[in-house]
C-alpha atoms as a PDB file:
ATOM      1  CA  MET A   1      16.972  -8.072 -28.477  1.00  0.00           C
ATOM      2  CA  SER A   2      18.605  -6.043 -25.680  1.00  0.00           C
ATOM      3  CA  ARG A   3      20.727  -4.170 -28.253  1.00  0.00           C
ATOM      4  CA  TYR A   4      17.621  -2.049 -28.931  1.00  0.00           C
ATOM      5  CA  TRP A   5      17.049  -1.098 -25.295  1.00  0.00           C
ATOM      6  CA  SER A   6      17.534   2.369 -23.866  1.00  0.00           C
ATOM      7  CA  ALA A   7      20.565   2.496 -21.572  1.00  0.00           C
ATOM      8  CA  VAL A   8      18.508   2.689 -18.370  1.00  0.00           C
ATOM      9  CA  VAL A   9      16.613  -0.549 -19.050  1.00  0.00           C
ATOM     10  CA  SER A  10      19.551  -2.890 -18.537  1.00  0.00           C
ATOM     11  CA  GLU A  11      20.231  -1.283 -15.154  1.00  0.00           C
ATOM     12  CA  LEU A  12      16.717  -1.858 -13.801  1.00  0.00           C
ATOM     13  CA  THR A  13      15.754  -4.541 -11.299  1.00  0.00           C
ATOM     14  CA  PRO A  14      11.954  -4.515 -11.666  1.00  0.00           C
ATOM     15  CA  TYR A  15       9.555  -4.852  -8.762  1.00  0.00           C
ATOM     16  CA  VAL A  16       8.285  -8.429  -8.360  1.00  0.00           C
ATOM     17  CA  PRO A  17       4.579  -8.538  -7.406  1.00  0.00           C
ATOM     18  CA  GLY A  18       3.076 -11.313  -5.325  1.00  0.00           C
ATOM     19  CA  GLU A  19       2.483 -14.527  -7.214  1.00  0.00           C
ATOM     20  CA  GLN A  20      -0.966 -14.994  -8.751  1.00  0.00           C
ATOM     21  CA  PRO A  21      -1.141 -18.794  -9.203  1.00  0.00           C
ATOM     22  CA  LYS A  22      -4.069 -20.417 -10.981  1.00  0.00           C
ATOM     23  CA  LEU A  23      -4.502 -23.548  -8.887  1.00  0.00           C
ATOM     24  CA  PRO A  24      -7.815 -25.133  -7.852  1.00  0.00           C
ATOM     25  CA  GLY A  25      -8.648 -25.129  -4.146  1.00  0.00           C
ATOM     26  CA  LEU A  26      -5.874 -22.663  -3.360  1.00  0.00           C
ATOM     27  CA  VAL A  27      -5.835 -20.691  -0.105  1.00  0.00           C
ATOM     28  CA  LYS A  28      -4.166 -17.524  -1.386  1.00  0.00           C
ATOM     29  CA  LEU A  29      -2.685 -15.454   1.437  1.00  0.00           C
ATOM     30  CA  ASN A  30       0.268 -13.823  -0.321  1.00  0.00           C
ATOM     31  CA  THR A  31      -0.892 -10.552  -1.916  1.00  0.00           C
ATOM     32  CA  ASN A  32      -2.863  -8.742   0.825  1.00  0.00           C
ATOM     33  CA  GLU A  33      -6.109  -8.845  -1.128  1.00  0.00           C
ATOM     34  CA  ASN A  34      -9.326  -8.329   0.788  1.00  0.00           C
ATOM     35  CA  PRO A  35     -11.181 -11.610   1.454  1.00  0.00           C
ATOM     36  CA  TYR A  36     -14.512  -9.807   1.099  1.00  0.00           C
ATOM     37  CA  GLY A  37     -15.844  -8.608  -2.234  1.00  0.00           C
ATOM     38  CA  PRO A  38     -16.666  -5.002  -3.113  1.00  0.00           C
ATOM     39  CA  SER A  39     -19.791  -3.312  -1.818  1.00  0.00           C
ATOM     40  CA  PRO A  40     -22.990  -4.302  -3.657  1.00  0.00           C
ATOM     41  CA  GLN A  41     -23.352  -0.607  -4.464  1.00  0.00           C
ATOM     42  CA  VAL A  42     -20.031  -0.752  -6.325  1.00  0.00           C
ATOM     43  CA  LEU A  43     -21.150  -3.729  -8.395  1.00  0.00           C
ATOM     44  CA  ALA A  44     -24.401  -1.959  -9.242  1.00  0.00           C
ATOM     45  CA  ALA A  45     -22.508   1.164 -10.299  1.00  0.00           C
ATOM     46  CA  LEU A  46     -20.216  -0.911 -12.517  1.00  0.00           C
ATOM     47  CA  ARG A  47     -23.161  -2.564 -14.240  1.00  0.00           C
ATOM     48  CA  GLU A  48     -24.692   0.843 -14.887  1.00  0.00           C
ATOM     49  CA  ALA A  49     -21.405   2.241 -16.213  1.00  0.00           C
ATOM     50  CA  ALA A  50     -20.968  -0.678 -18.627  1.00  0.00           C
ATOM     51  CA  ALA A  51     -23.016   1.125 -21.253  1.00  0.00           C
ATOM     52  CA  ASP A  52     -22.773   2.828 -24.628  1.00  0.00           C
ATOM     53  CA  THR A  53     -20.911   5.706 -22.958  1.00  0.00           C
ATOM     54  CA  LEU A  54     -17.769   3.538 -22.883  1.00  0.00           C
ATOM     55  CA  ARG A  55     -17.144   4.783 -26.435  1.00  0.00           C
ATOM     56  CA  LEU A  56     -16.411   8.203 -24.873  1.00  0.00           C
ATOM     57  CA  TYR A  57     -13.260   9.200 -23.024  1.00  0.00           C
ATOM     58  CA  PRO A  58     -13.593   9.492 -19.251  1.00  0.00           C
ATOM     59  CA  ASP A  59     -13.281  12.837 -17.469  1.00  0.00           C
ATOM     60  CA  PRO A  60      -9.512  13.543 -17.563  1.00  0.00           C
ATOM     61  CA  SER A  61      -9.697  15.506 -14.310  1.00  0.00           C
ATOM     62  CA  ALA A  62     -11.929  12.943 -12.510  1.00  0.00           C
ATOM     63  CA  SER A  63     -13.838  15.878 -11.024  1.00  0.00           C
ATOM     64  CA  GLU A  64     -16.670  13.901  -9.438  1.00  0.00           C
ATOM     65  CA  LEU A  65     -14.322  11.425  -7.778  1.00  0.00           C
ATOM     66  CA  LYS A  66     -12.153  14.258  -6.469  1.00  0.00           C
ATOM     67  CA  GLN A  67     -15.252  15.893  -5.027  1.00  0.00           C
ATOM     68  CA  THR A  68     -16.263  12.602  -3.387  1.00  0.00           C
ATOM     69  CA  LEU A  69     -12.814  12.134  -1.855  1.00  0.00           C
ATOM     70  CA  ALA A  70     -12.622  15.769  -0.731  1.00  0.00           C
ATOM     71  CA  GLU A  71     -15.952  15.558   1.082  1.00  0.00           C
ATOM     72  CA  TYR A  72     -15.095  12.212   2.679  1.00  0.00           C
ATOM     73  CA  HIS A  73     -11.728  13.385   4.012  1.00  0.00           C
ATOM     74  CA  GLY A  74     -12.670  16.968   4.855  1.00  0.00           C
ATOM     75  CA  VAL A  75     -10.339  18.691   2.379  1.00  0.00           C
ATOM     76  CA  SER A  76     -10.805  20.815  -0.744  1.00  0.00           C
ATOM     77  CA  THR A  77     -10.804  19.389  -4.266  1.00  0.00           C
ATOM     78  CA  ARG A  78      -7.577  21.343  -4.899  1.00  0.00           C
ATOM     79  CA  GLU A  79      -5.961  19.064  -2.315  1.00  0.00           C
ATOM     80  CA  VAL A  80      -6.894  15.809  -4.113  1.00  0.00           C
ATOM     81  CA  PHE A  81      -5.087  13.868  -6.830  1.00  0.00           C
ATOM     82  CA  VAL A  82      -6.231  10.538  -8.309  1.00  0.00           C
ATOM     83  CA  GLY A  83      -4.433   7.921 -10.353  1.00  0.00           C
ATOM     84  CA  ASN A  84      -4.339   4.365 -11.633  1.00  0.00           C
ATOM     85  CA  GLY A  85      -3.719   2.681  -8.299  1.00  0.00           C
ATOM     86  CA  SER A  86      -1.482   4.055  -5.565  1.00  0.00           C
ATOM     87  CA  ASP A  87       1.530   2.619  -7.402  1.00  0.00           C
ATOM     88  CA  GLU A  88       1.003   5.105 -10.228  1.00  0.00           C
ATOM     89  CA  VAL A  89       0.359   7.919  -7.751  1.00  0.00           C
ATOM     90  CA  LEU A  90       3.623   7.037  -6.000  1.00  0.00           C
ATOM     91  CA  ALA A  91       5.492   6.826  -9.316  1.00  0.00           C
ATOM     92  CA  LEU A  92       4.335  10.329 -10.223  1.00  0.00           C
ATOM     93  CA  ALA A  93       5.250  11.579  -6.744  1.00  0.00           C
ATOM     94  CA  PHE A  94       8.774  10.192  -7.094  1.00  0.00           C
ATOM     95  CA  MET A  95       9.181  12.096 -10.344  1.00  0.00           C
ATOM     96  CA  ALA A  96       7.392  15.302  -9.313  1.00  0.00           C
ATOM     97  CA  LEU A  97       8.369  15.711  -5.664  1.00  0.00           C
ATOM     98  CA  LEU A  98      11.113  13.347  -4.504  1.00  0.00           C
ATOM     99  CA  LYS A  99      14.003  13.915  -6.923  1.00  0.00           C
ATOM    100  CA  HIS A 100      16.480  16.397  -5.420  1.00  0.00           C
ATOM    101  CA  ASP A 101      20.219  16.896  -4.994  1.00  0.00           C
ATOM    102  CA  ALA A 102      20.178  15.487  -1.457  1.00  0.00           C
ATOM    103  CA  PRO A 103      19.167  11.826  -1.032  1.00  0.00           C
ATOM    104  CA  LEU A 104      15.645  10.536  -0.518  1.00  0.00           C
ATOM    105  CA  LEU A 105      15.215   8.669   2.773  1.00  0.00           C
ATOM    106  CA  PHE A 106      13.067   5.587   3.387  1.00  0.00           C
ATOM    107  CA  PRO A 107      13.232   2.522   5.676  1.00  0.00           C
ATOM    108  CA  ASP A 108      15.584  -0.348   4.884  1.00  0.00           C
ATOM    109  CA  ILE A 109      12.680  -2.771   5.295  1.00  0.00           C
ATOM    110  CA  SER A 110       9.795  -1.242   3.402  1.00  0.00           C
ATOM    111  CA  TYR A 111       7.822  -1.332   0.168  1.00  0.00           C
ATOM    112  CA  SER A 112      10.250  -2.781  -2.368  1.00  0.00           C
ATOM    113  CA  PHE A 113       8.915  -0.560  -5.170  1.00  0.00           C
ATOM    114  CA  TYR A 114      10.696   2.481  -3.668  1.00  0.00           C
ATOM    115  CA  PRO A 115      14.227   1.567  -4.797  1.00  0.00           C
ATOM    116  CA  VAL A 116      12.820   0.529  -8.180  1.00  0.00           C
ATOM    117  CA  TYR A 117      11.366   4.012  -8.718  1.00  0.00           C
ATOM    118  CA  CYS A 118      14.653   5.560  -7.591  1.00  0.00           C
ATOM    119  CA  LYS A 119      16.583   3.569 -10.172  1.00  0.00           C
ATOM    120  CA  LEU A 120      14.044   4.336 -12.898  1.00  0.00           C
ATOM    121  CA  TYR A 121      14.122   8.096 -12.293  1.00  0.00           C
ATOM    122  CA  GLY A 122      17.766   8.429 -11.260  1.00  0.00           C
ATOM    123  CA  ILE A 123      16.990   9.438  -7.671  1.00  0.00           C
ATOM    124  CA  ASP A 124      19.753   9.272  -5.082  1.00  0.00           C
ATOM    125  CA  TYR A 125      18.477   7.562  -1.936  1.00  0.00           C
ATOM    126  CA  ARG A 126      19.562   6.276   1.466  1.00  0.00           C
ATOM    127  CA  THR A 127      17.795   3.589   3.483  1.00  0.00           C
ATOM    128  CA  VAL A 128      17.290   4.130   7.210  1.00  0.00           C
ATOM    129  CA  PRO A 129      17.406   0.928   9.299  1.00  0.00           C
ATOM    130  CA  LEU A 130      14.408  -0.043  11.367  1.00  0.00           C
ATOM    131  CA  ASP A 131      15.233  -0.665  15.020  1.00  0.00           C
ATOM    132  CA  GLU A 132      15.578  -4.160  16.496  1.00  0.00           C
ATOM    133  CA  GLN A 133      11.806  -4.317  17.043  1.00  0.00           C
ATOM    134  CA  MET A 134      11.288  -3.560  13.328  1.00  0.00           C
ATOM    135  CA  ARG A 135       9.951  -0.073  14.086  1.00  0.00           C
ATOM    136  CA  ILE A 136      10.571   3.284  12.415  1.00  0.00           C
ATOM    137  CA  ARG A 137      12.438   5.673  14.738  1.00  0.00           C
ATOM    138  CA  PRO A 138      11.683   9.320  13.813  1.00  0.00           C
ATOM    139  CA  ASP A 139      15.001  10.520  15.282  1.00  0.00           C
ATOM    140  CA  ASP A 140      16.839   8.475  12.656  1.00  0.00           C
ATOM    141  CA  TYR A 141      15.379  10.789   9.980  1.00  0.00           C
ATOM    142  CA  ALA A 142      16.657  13.991  11.587  1.00  0.00           C
ATOM    143  CA  GLY A 143      19.623  14.510   9.246  1.00  0.00           C
ATOM    144  CA  PRO A 144      19.725  16.452   5.975  1.00  0.00           C
ATOM    145  CA  CYS A 145      17.841  14.957   3.046  1.00  0.00           C
ATOM    146  CA  GLY A 146      16.026  15.813  -0.153  1.00  0.00           C
ATOM    147  CA  ALA A 147      12.720  14.182   0.840  1.00  0.00           C
ATOM    148  CA  ILE A 148      11.294  11.317   2.910  1.00  0.00           C
ATOM    149  CA  ILE A 149       8.831   8.515   2.151  1.00  0.00           C
ATOM    150  CA  PHE A 150       7.604   5.680   4.341  1.00  0.00           C
ATOM    151  CA  PRO A 151       4.545   3.441   4.544  1.00  0.00           C
ATOM    152  CA  ASN A 152       2.350   3.804   7.607  1.00  0.00           C
ATOM    153  CA  PRO A 153       1.592   1.114   8.657  1.00  0.00           C
ATOM    154  CA  ASN A 154       4.878  -0.132   7.292  1.00  0.00           C
ATOM    155  CA  ALA A 155       5.043  -3.020   4.849  1.00  0.00           C
ATOM    156  CA  PRO A 156       5.888  -5.838   5.164  1.00  0.00           C
ATOM    157  CA  THR A 157       6.096  -5.458   8.956  1.00  0.00           C
ATOM    158  CA  GLY A 158       2.568  -4.125   9.514  1.00  0.00           C
ATOM    159  CA  ILE A 159       3.734  -1.861  12.349  1.00  0.00           C
ATOM    160  CA  GLY A 160       2.202   1.606  12.469  1.00  0.00           C
ATOM    161  CA  LEU A 161       3.631   4.954  13.527  1.00  0.00           C
ATOM    162  CA  GLY A 162       1.546   7.300  15.708  1.00  0.00           C
ATOM    163  CA  LEU A 163       0.595  10.773  14.517  1.00  0.00           C
ATOM    164  CA  ALA A 164       2.899  12.465  17.024  1.00  0.00           C
ATOM    165  CA  ALA A 165       5.841  10.566  15.533  1.00  0.00           C
ATOM    166  CA  VAL A 166       4.796  11.464  11.981  1.00  0.00           C
ATOM    167  CA  GLU A 167       4.473  15.091  13.029  1.00  0.00           C
ATOM    168  CA  SER A 168       7.966  15.075  14.541  1.00  0.00           C
ATOM    169  CA  ILE A 169       9.376  14.051  11.150  1.00  0.00           C
ATOM    170  CA  LEU A 170       7.436  16.838   9.445  1.00  0.00           C
ATOM    171  CA  LEU A 171       8.651  19.409  11.983  1.00  0.00           C
ATOM    172  CA  ALA A 172      12.257  18.321  11.503  1.00  0.00           C
ATOM    173  CA  HIS A 173      12.071  18.840   7.713  1.00  0.00           C
ATOM    174  CA  PRO A 174       9.906  21.882   6.876  1.00  0.00           C
ATOM    175  CA  GLU A 175      11.714  22.340   3.545  1.00  0.00           C
ATOM    176  CA  ALA A 176      11.433  18.699   2.420  1.00  0.00           C
ATOM    177  CA  VAL A 177       8.438  16.788   1.109  1.00  0.00           C
ATOM    178  CA  VAL A 178       7.323  13.935   3.373  1.00  0.00           C
ATOM    179  CA  VAL A 179       5.189  11.270   1.675  1.00  0.00           C
ATOM    180  CA  VAL A 180       3.208   8.963   3.948  1.00  0.00           C
ATOM    181  CA  ASP A 181       2.092   5.859   2.056  1.00  0.00           C
ATOM    182  CA  GLU A 182      -1.129   4.747   3.781  1.00  0.00           C
ATOM    183  CA  ALA A 183      -2.098   1.701   1.728  1.00  0.00           C
ATOM    184  CA  TYR A 184      -3.099  -0.207   4.902  1.00  0.00           C
ATOM    185  CA  VAL A 185      -4.160   2.600   7.226  1.00  0.00           C
ATOM    186  CA  ASP A 186      -7.849   1.608   7.372  1.00  0.00           C
ATOM    187  CA  PHE A 187      -7.013  -1.595   9.276  1.00  0.00           C
ATOM    188  CA  GLY A 188      -6.025   0.188  12.469  1.00  0.00           C
ATOM    189  CA  GLY A 189      -3.475   2.878  11.643  1.00  0.00           C
ATOM    190  CA  ASP A 190      -3.606   6.611  12.328  1.00  0.00           C
ATOM    191  CA  SER A 191      -4.057   8.593   9.120  1.00  0.00           C
ATOM    192  CA  ALA A 192      -1.901  11.672   8.627  1.00  0.00           C
ATOM    193  CA  VAL A 193      -4.693  13.363   6.652  1.00  0.00           C
ATOM    194  CA  ALA A 194      -5.481  15.291   9.852  1.00  0.00           C
ATOM    195  CA  LEU A 195      -2.057  16.980   9.579  1.00  0.00           C
ATOM    196  CA  ILE A 196      -2.376  18.244   5.996  1.00  0.00           C
ATOM    197  CA  ALA A 197      -3.826  21.629   6.954  1.00  0.00           C
ATOM    198  CA  ARG A 198      -0.773  22.418   9.135  1.00  0.00           C
ATOM    199  CA  TYR A 199       2.010  20.980   6.986  1.00  0.00           C
ATOM    200  CA  PRO A 200       2.298  22.082   3.325  1.00  0.00           C
ATOM    201  CA  ASN A 201       5.143  19.579   2.834  1.00  0.00           C
ATOM    202  CA  LEU A 202       2.959  16.531   3.623  1.00  0.00           C
ATOM    203  CA  LEU A 203       1.533  14.246   0.934  1.00  0.00           C
ATOM    204  CA  VAL A 204      -0.679  11.322   2.003  1.00  0.00           C
ATOM    205  CA  VAL A 205      -1.200   8.487  -0.497  1.00  0.00           C
ATOM    206  CA  GLN A 206      -3.976   5.903  -0.179  1.00  0.00           C
ATOM    207  CA  THR A 207      -5.504   3.126  -2.271  1.00  0.00           C
ATOM    208  CA  LEU A 208      -8.888   1.489  -2.793  1.00  0.00           C
ATOM    209  CA  SER A 209      -7.243  -1.888  -3.408  1.00  0.00           C
ATOM    210  CA  LYS A 210      -7.092  -3.101   0.191  1.00  0.00           C
ATOM    211  CA  SER A 211      -9.784  -1.879   2.553  1.00  0.00           C
ATOM    212  CA  ARG A 212     -12.327  -1.246  -0.210  1.00  0.00           C
ATOM    213  CA  SER A 213     -11.770  -4.544  -2.054  1.00  0.00           C
ATOM    214  CA  LEU A 214     -11.044  -2.889  -5.399  1.00  0.00           C
ATOM    215  CA  ALA A 215      -7.588  -4.193  -6.303  1.00  0.00           C
ATOM    216  CA  GLY A 216      -9.010  -5.161  -9.689  1.00  0.00           C
ATOM    217  CA  LEU A 217     -10.083  -1.603 -10.549  1.00  0.00           C
ATOM    218  CA  ARG A 218      -6.743   0.153  -9.851  1.00  0.00           C
ATOM    219  CA  VAL A 219      -7.668   3.391  -8.087  1.00  0.00           C
ATOM    220  CA  GLY A 220      -5.368   5.365  -5.823  1.00  0.00           C
ATOM    221  CA  PHE A 221      -5.253   8.951  -4.618  1.00  0.00           C
ATOM    222  CA  ALA A 222      -3.126  11.530  -2.852  1.00  0.00           C
ATOM    223  CA  LEU A 223      -4.101  14.308  -0.468  1.00  0.00           C
ATOM    224  CA  GLY A 224      -1.929  17.324   0.236  1.00  0.00           C
ATOM    225  CA  HIS A 225      -1.332  21.039  -0.212  1.00  0.00           C
ATOM    226  CA  PRO A 226      -2.491  22.391  -3.605  1.00  0.00           C
ATOM    227  CA  ASP A 227       1.132  23.130  -4.583  1.00  0.00           C
ATOM    228  CA  LEU A 228       2.034  19.456  -4.201  1.00  0.00           C
ATOM    229  CA  ILE A 229      -1.090  18.380  -6.071  1.00  0.00           C
ATOM    230  CA  GLU A 230      -0.284  20.752  -8.927  1.00  0.00           C
ATOM    231  CA  ALA A 231       3.142  19.147  -9.314  1.00  0.00           C
ATOM    232  CA  LEU A 232       1.500  15.720  -9.591  1.00  0.00           C
ATOM    233  CA  GLU A 233      -1.021  17.023 -12.127  1.00  0.00           C
ATOM    234  CA  ARG A 234       1.728  18.550 -14.262  1.00  0.00           C
ATOM    235  CA  VAL A 235       3.584  15.248 -14.464  1.00  0.00           C
ATOM    236  CA  LYS A 236       0.407  13.190 -14.956  1.00  0.00           C
ATOM    237  CA  ASN A 237      -0.773  15.402 -17.817  1.00  0.00           C
ATOM    238  CA  SER A 238       2.647  15.087 -19.437  1.00  0.00           C
ATOM    239  CA  PHE A 239       2.329  11.313 -19.301  1.00  0.00           C
ATOM    240  CA  ASN A 240      -1.299  10.103 -19.422  1.00  0.00           C
ATOM    241  CA  SER A 241      -4.331  12.382 -19.431  1.00  0.00           C
ATOM    242  CA  TYR A 242      -6.788   9.530 -18.813  1.00  0.00           C
ATOM    243  CA  PRO A 243      -5.398   7.216 -16.087  1.00  0.00           C
ATOM    244  CA  LEU A 244      -8.848   6.278 -14.726  1.00  0.00           C
ATOM    245  CA  ASP A 245     -11.486   4.769 -17.005  1.00  0.00           C
ATOM    246  CA  ARG A 246     -15.247   5.180 -16.654  1.00  0.00           C
ATOM    247  CA  LEU A 247     -15.686   1.912 -14.749  1.00  0.00           C
ATOM    248  CA  SER A 248     -12.985   2.781 -12.242  1.00  0.00           C
ATOM    249  CA  LEU A 249     -14.465   6.204 -11.629  1.00  0.00           C
ATOM    250  CA  ALA A 250     -17.966   4.818 -11.121  1.00  0.00           C
ATOM    251  CA  GLY A 251     -16.846   2.018  -8.825  1.00  0.00           C
ATOM    252  CA  ALA A 252     -14.581   4.241  -6.756  1.00  0.00           C
ATOM    253  CA  MET A 253     -17.287   6.820  -6.099  1.00  0.00           C
ATOM    254  CA  ALA A 254     -19.795   4.122  -5.156  1.00  0.00           C
ATOM    255  CA  SER A 255     -17.397   2.603  -2.620  1.00  0.00           C
ATOM    256  CA  PHE A 256     -17.439   5.819  -0.601  1.00  0.00           C
ATOM    257  CA  ARG A 257     -21.233   5.911  -0.596  1.00  0.00           C
ATOM    258  CA  ASP A 258     -21.494   2.636   1.320  1.00  0.00           C
ATOM    259  CA  GLU A 259     -19.875   3.462   4.644  1.00  0.00           C
ATOM    260  CA  VAL A 260     -21.740   0.714   6.493  1.00  0.00           C
ATOM    261  CA  TYR A 261     -20.305  -2.022   4.261  1.00  0.00           C
ATOM    262  CA  PHE A 262     -16.820  -0.509   4.472  1.00  0.00           C
ATOM    263  CA  GLN A 263     -16.872  -0.457   8.274  1.00  0.00           C
ATOM    264  CA  GLN A 264     -18.271  -3.991   8.525  1.00  0.00           C
ATOM    265  CA  THR A 265     -15.696  -5.600   6.249  1.00  0.00           C
ATOM    266  CA  ARG A 266     -12.828  -3.539   7.649  1.00  0.00           C
ATOM    267  CA  GLN A 267     -13.673  -4.686  11.169  1.00  0.00           C
ATOM    268  CA  ALA A 268     -14.087  -8.290  10.032  1.00  0.00           C
ATOM    269  CA  VAL A 269     -10.523  -8.264   8.702  1.00  0.00           C
ATOM    270  CA  ILE A 270      -9.233  -6.715  11.938  1.00  0.00           C
ATOM    271  CA  ASP A 271     -11.028  -9.340  14.030  1.00  0.00           C
ATOM    272  CA  SER A 272      -9.610 -12.185  11.904  1.00  0.00           C
ATOM    273  CA  ARG A 273      -6.139 -10.670  12.146  1.00  0.00           C
ATOM    274  CA  GLU A 274      -6.228 -10.599  15.930  1.00  0.00           C
ATOM    275  CA  GLN A 275      -7.568 -14.152  16.110  1.00  0.00           C
ATOM    276  CA  LEU A 276      -4.921 -15.457  13.706  1.00  0.00           C
ATOM    277  CA  ALA A 277      -2.119 -13.672  15.579  1.00  0.00           C
ATOM    278  CA  PHE A 278      -3.351 -15.264  18.817  1.00  0.00           C
ATOM    279  CA  GLU A 279      -3.389 -18.747  17.284  1.00  0.00           C
ATOM    280  CA  LEU A 280       0.058 -18.360  15.719  1.00  0.00           C
ATOM    281  CA  ALA A 281       1.504 -17.158  19.012  1.00  0.00           C
ATOM    282  CA  GLY A 282       0.049 -20.271  20.628  1.00  0.00           C
ATOM    283  CA  MET A 283       2.060 -22.369  18.156  1.00  0.00           C
ATOM    284  CA  GLY A 284       5.305 -20.640  19.084  1.00  0.00           C
ATOM    285  CA  PHE A 285       5.413 -17.965  16.393  1.00  0.00           C
ATOM    286  CA  GLU A 286       6.687 -14.505  17.191  1.00  0.00           C
ATOM    287  CA  VAL A 287       4.161 -12.150  15.598  1.00  0.00           C
ATOM    288  CA  LEU A 288       4.853  -8.457  15.084  1.00  0.00           C
ATOM    289  CA  PRO A 289       2.016  -6.117  16.161  1.00  0.00           C
ATOM    290  CA  SER A 290       0.112  -5.376  12.965  1.00  0.00           C
ATOM    291  CA  GLN A 291      -2.203  -2.527  11.972  1.00  0.00           C
ATOM    292  CA  ALA A 292      -2.514  -3.860   8.420  1.00  0.00           C
ATOM    293  CA  ASN A 293      -4.481  -6.624   6.685  1.00  0.00           C
ATOM    294  CA  PHE A 294      -1.555  -9.014   7.090  1.00  0.00           C
ATOM    295  CA  ILE A 295       0.743 -10.246   9.812  1.00  0.00           C
ATOM    296  CA  PHE A 296       4.521 -10.650   9.804  1.00  0.00           C
ATOM    297  CA  ALA A 297       5.722 -13.601  11.839  1.00  0.00           C
ATOM    298  CA  HIS A 298       8.558 -16.051  12.322  1.00  0.00           C
ATOM    299  CA  HIS A 299       9.066 -19.262  14.252  1.00  0.00           C
ATOM    300  CA  PRO A 300      12.376 -19.481  16.151  1.00  0.00           C
ATOM    301  CA  GLN A 301      12.628 -23.234  15.574  1.00  0.00           C
ATOM    302  CA  HIS A 302      11.524 -23.530  11.946  1.00  0.00           C
ATOM    303  CA  ASP A 303      13.026 -22.125   8.751  1.00  0.00           C
ATOM    304  CA  ALA A 304      10.670 -19.699   7.036  1.00  0.00           C
ATOM    305  CA  ALA A 305      11.440 -20.854   3.499  1.00  0.00           C
ATOM    306  CA  GLN A 306      10.752 -24.461   4.459  1.00  0.00           C
ATOM    307  CA  LEU A 307       7.498 -23.452   6.138  1.00  0.00           C
ATOM    308  CA  ALA A 308       6.417 -21.544   3.024  1.00  0.00           C
ATOM    309  CA  ALA A 309       7.239 -24.564   0.855  1.00  0.00           C
ATOM    310  CA  GLY A 310       5.371 -26.891   3.213  1.00  0.00           C
ATOM    311  CA  LEU A 311       2.331 -24.645   3.139  1.00  0.00           C
ATOM    312  CA  ARG A 312       2.440 -24.491  -0.637  1.00  0.00           C
ATOM    313  CA  ALA A 313       2.460 -28.309  -0.771  1.00  0.00           C
ATOM    314  CA  ARG A 314      -0.773 -28.091   1.226  1.00  0.00           C
ATOM    315  CA  SER A 315      -2.279 -25.524  -1.220  1.00  0.00           C
ATOM    316  CA  VAL A 316      -1.717 -22.528   1.062  1.00  0.00           C
ATOM    317  CA  ILE A 317       0.339 -19.636  -0.381  1.00  0.00           C
ATOM    318  CA  VAL A 318       2.023 -17.032   1.833  1.00  0.00           C
ATOM    319  CA  ARG A 319       4.780 -14.503   1.038  1.00  0.00           C
ATOM    320  CA  HIS A 320       8.397 -15.208   1.909  1.00  0.00           C
ATOM    321  CA  PHE A 321      11.023 -12.526   1.279  1.00  0.00           C
ATOM    322  CA  ASN A 322      14.542 -13.828   0.807  1.00  0.00           C
ATOM    323  CA  ALA A 323      16.051 -10.536   1.941  1.00  0.00           C
ATOM    324  CA  PRO A 324      18.413  -9.345   4.673  1.00  0.00           C
ATOM    325  CA  ARG A 325      16.944  -9.126   8.192  1.00  0.00           C
ATOM    326  CA  ILE A 326      13.599 -10.650   7.202  1.00  0.00           C
ATOM    327  CA  SER A 327      14.511 -13.958   5.554  1.00  0.00           C
ATOM    328  CA  GLN A 328      13.057 -15.870   8.527  1.00  0.00           C
ATOM    329  CA  PHE A 329       9.700 -14.082   8.414  1.00  0.00           C
ATOM    330  CA  LEU A 330       6.477 -14.940   6.610  1.00  0.00           C
ATOM    331  CA  ARG A 331       4.002 -12.280   5.554  1.00  0.00           C
ATOM    332  CA  ILE A 332       0.528 -13.749   5.805  1.00  0.00           C
ATOM    333  CA  SER A 333      -2.476 -11.931   4.334  1.00  0.00           C
ATOM    334  CA  ILE A 334      -5.665 -12.045   6.360  1.00  0.00           C
ATOM    335  CA  GLY A 335      -8.151 -14.240   4.551  1.00  0.00           C
ATOM    336  CA  SER A 336     -11.696 -15.243   5.366  1.00  0.00           C
ATOM    337  CA  PRO A 337     -12.262 -17.163   8.615  1.00  0.00           C
ATOM    338  CA  ASP A 338     -12.268 -20.421   6.627  1.00  0.00           C
ATOM    339  CA  GLU A 339      -9.006 -19.522   4.873  1.00  0.00           C
ATOM    340  CA  CYS A 340      -7.338 -18.575   8.156  1.00  0.00           C
ATOM    341  CA  ALA A 341      -8.518 -21.865   9.662  1.00  0.00           C
ATOM    342  CA  ALA A 342      -7.026 -23.769   6.708  1.00  0.00           C
ATOM    343  CA  LEU A 343      -3.715 -21.994   7.260  1.00  0.00           C
ATOM    344  CA  VAL A 344      -3.709 -22.896  10.953  1.00  0.00           C
ATOM    345  CA  ARG A 345      -4.460 -26.547  10.177  1.00  0.00           C
ATOM    346  CA  ALA A 346      -1.630 -26.708   7.656  1.00  0.00           C
ATOM    347  CA  LEU A 347       0.807 -25.095  10.067  1.00  0.00           C
ATOM    348  CA  ARG A 348      -0.142 -27.534  12.837  1.00  0.00           C
ATOM    349  CA  GLU A 349       0.698 -30.382  10.481  1.00  0.00           C
ATOM    350  CA  LEU A 350       4.047 -28.832   9.586  1.00  0.00           C
ATOM    351  CA  LEU A 351       5.032 -28.046  13.167  1.00  0.00           C
END
């Protein structure tokens, strides 16, 4: 039925999300989901929100959630935008802030949704190669451009960029928007939120999917100068006035009220990550230094695709990217201690 498509559709190469197999006894370490469930306070808030009020539309401006996020991050509500997961927030940012005559810059090894958005919105872009250690070099972004976006920590490498390096990029481009995609920042990265007050061209995007165990609710947000937020609001209200439902709003606000649970589970993931990296290194893997809830590793004597297939045969799923420069790497999400132990056992068998 492609004869009915709009012209742009046939030119798209859609983003491919991590596989969500329905297999019994599966150790699922391929989509960077949190191994620990949401805070009990979130579950209680969801039960309370599942009431007769669901017949009513949610607050289109999400005022209470914006207030919660503003207080938590030490900004004003005029500096907060919320959306249906950080993917939607990013999509609106690409349309509202990143489409210019000069090309958009982002790393050559990065979140694979970026080129998809560029194709969808007709944005000219140029990828900037990571160095040989798979790191972002700020000096490589010094040339003219329309805007810049990069994840920090980067994905799928897991390597973070320090605040001084982020600030050097901002200083080099005072007339260009710089979007820092902080989906994994709570697992050891340095958040650029502290720089917002000094740099009106900075937009920081975060999600509740990873560190707050709410991938199933789809809540993301952006923090930045009110002028940037207004641009996002203008696009959002031209597209979907109600991106967050009542359950998402209730659950998101509750997650920020339970700081103790957040810190406990965040640290548990970090501890498991360090232990798993140590064990993989002991088996001969080269593991990149990660500040995310996953690790990126390769074995110099074993093909990554064959390892991924061997793990799958043992009911362990990891992510393998058949892409230039990283085809010999595996991205392994940090699971529970039992899941990480199952991965290690399966790898010992394979090796």
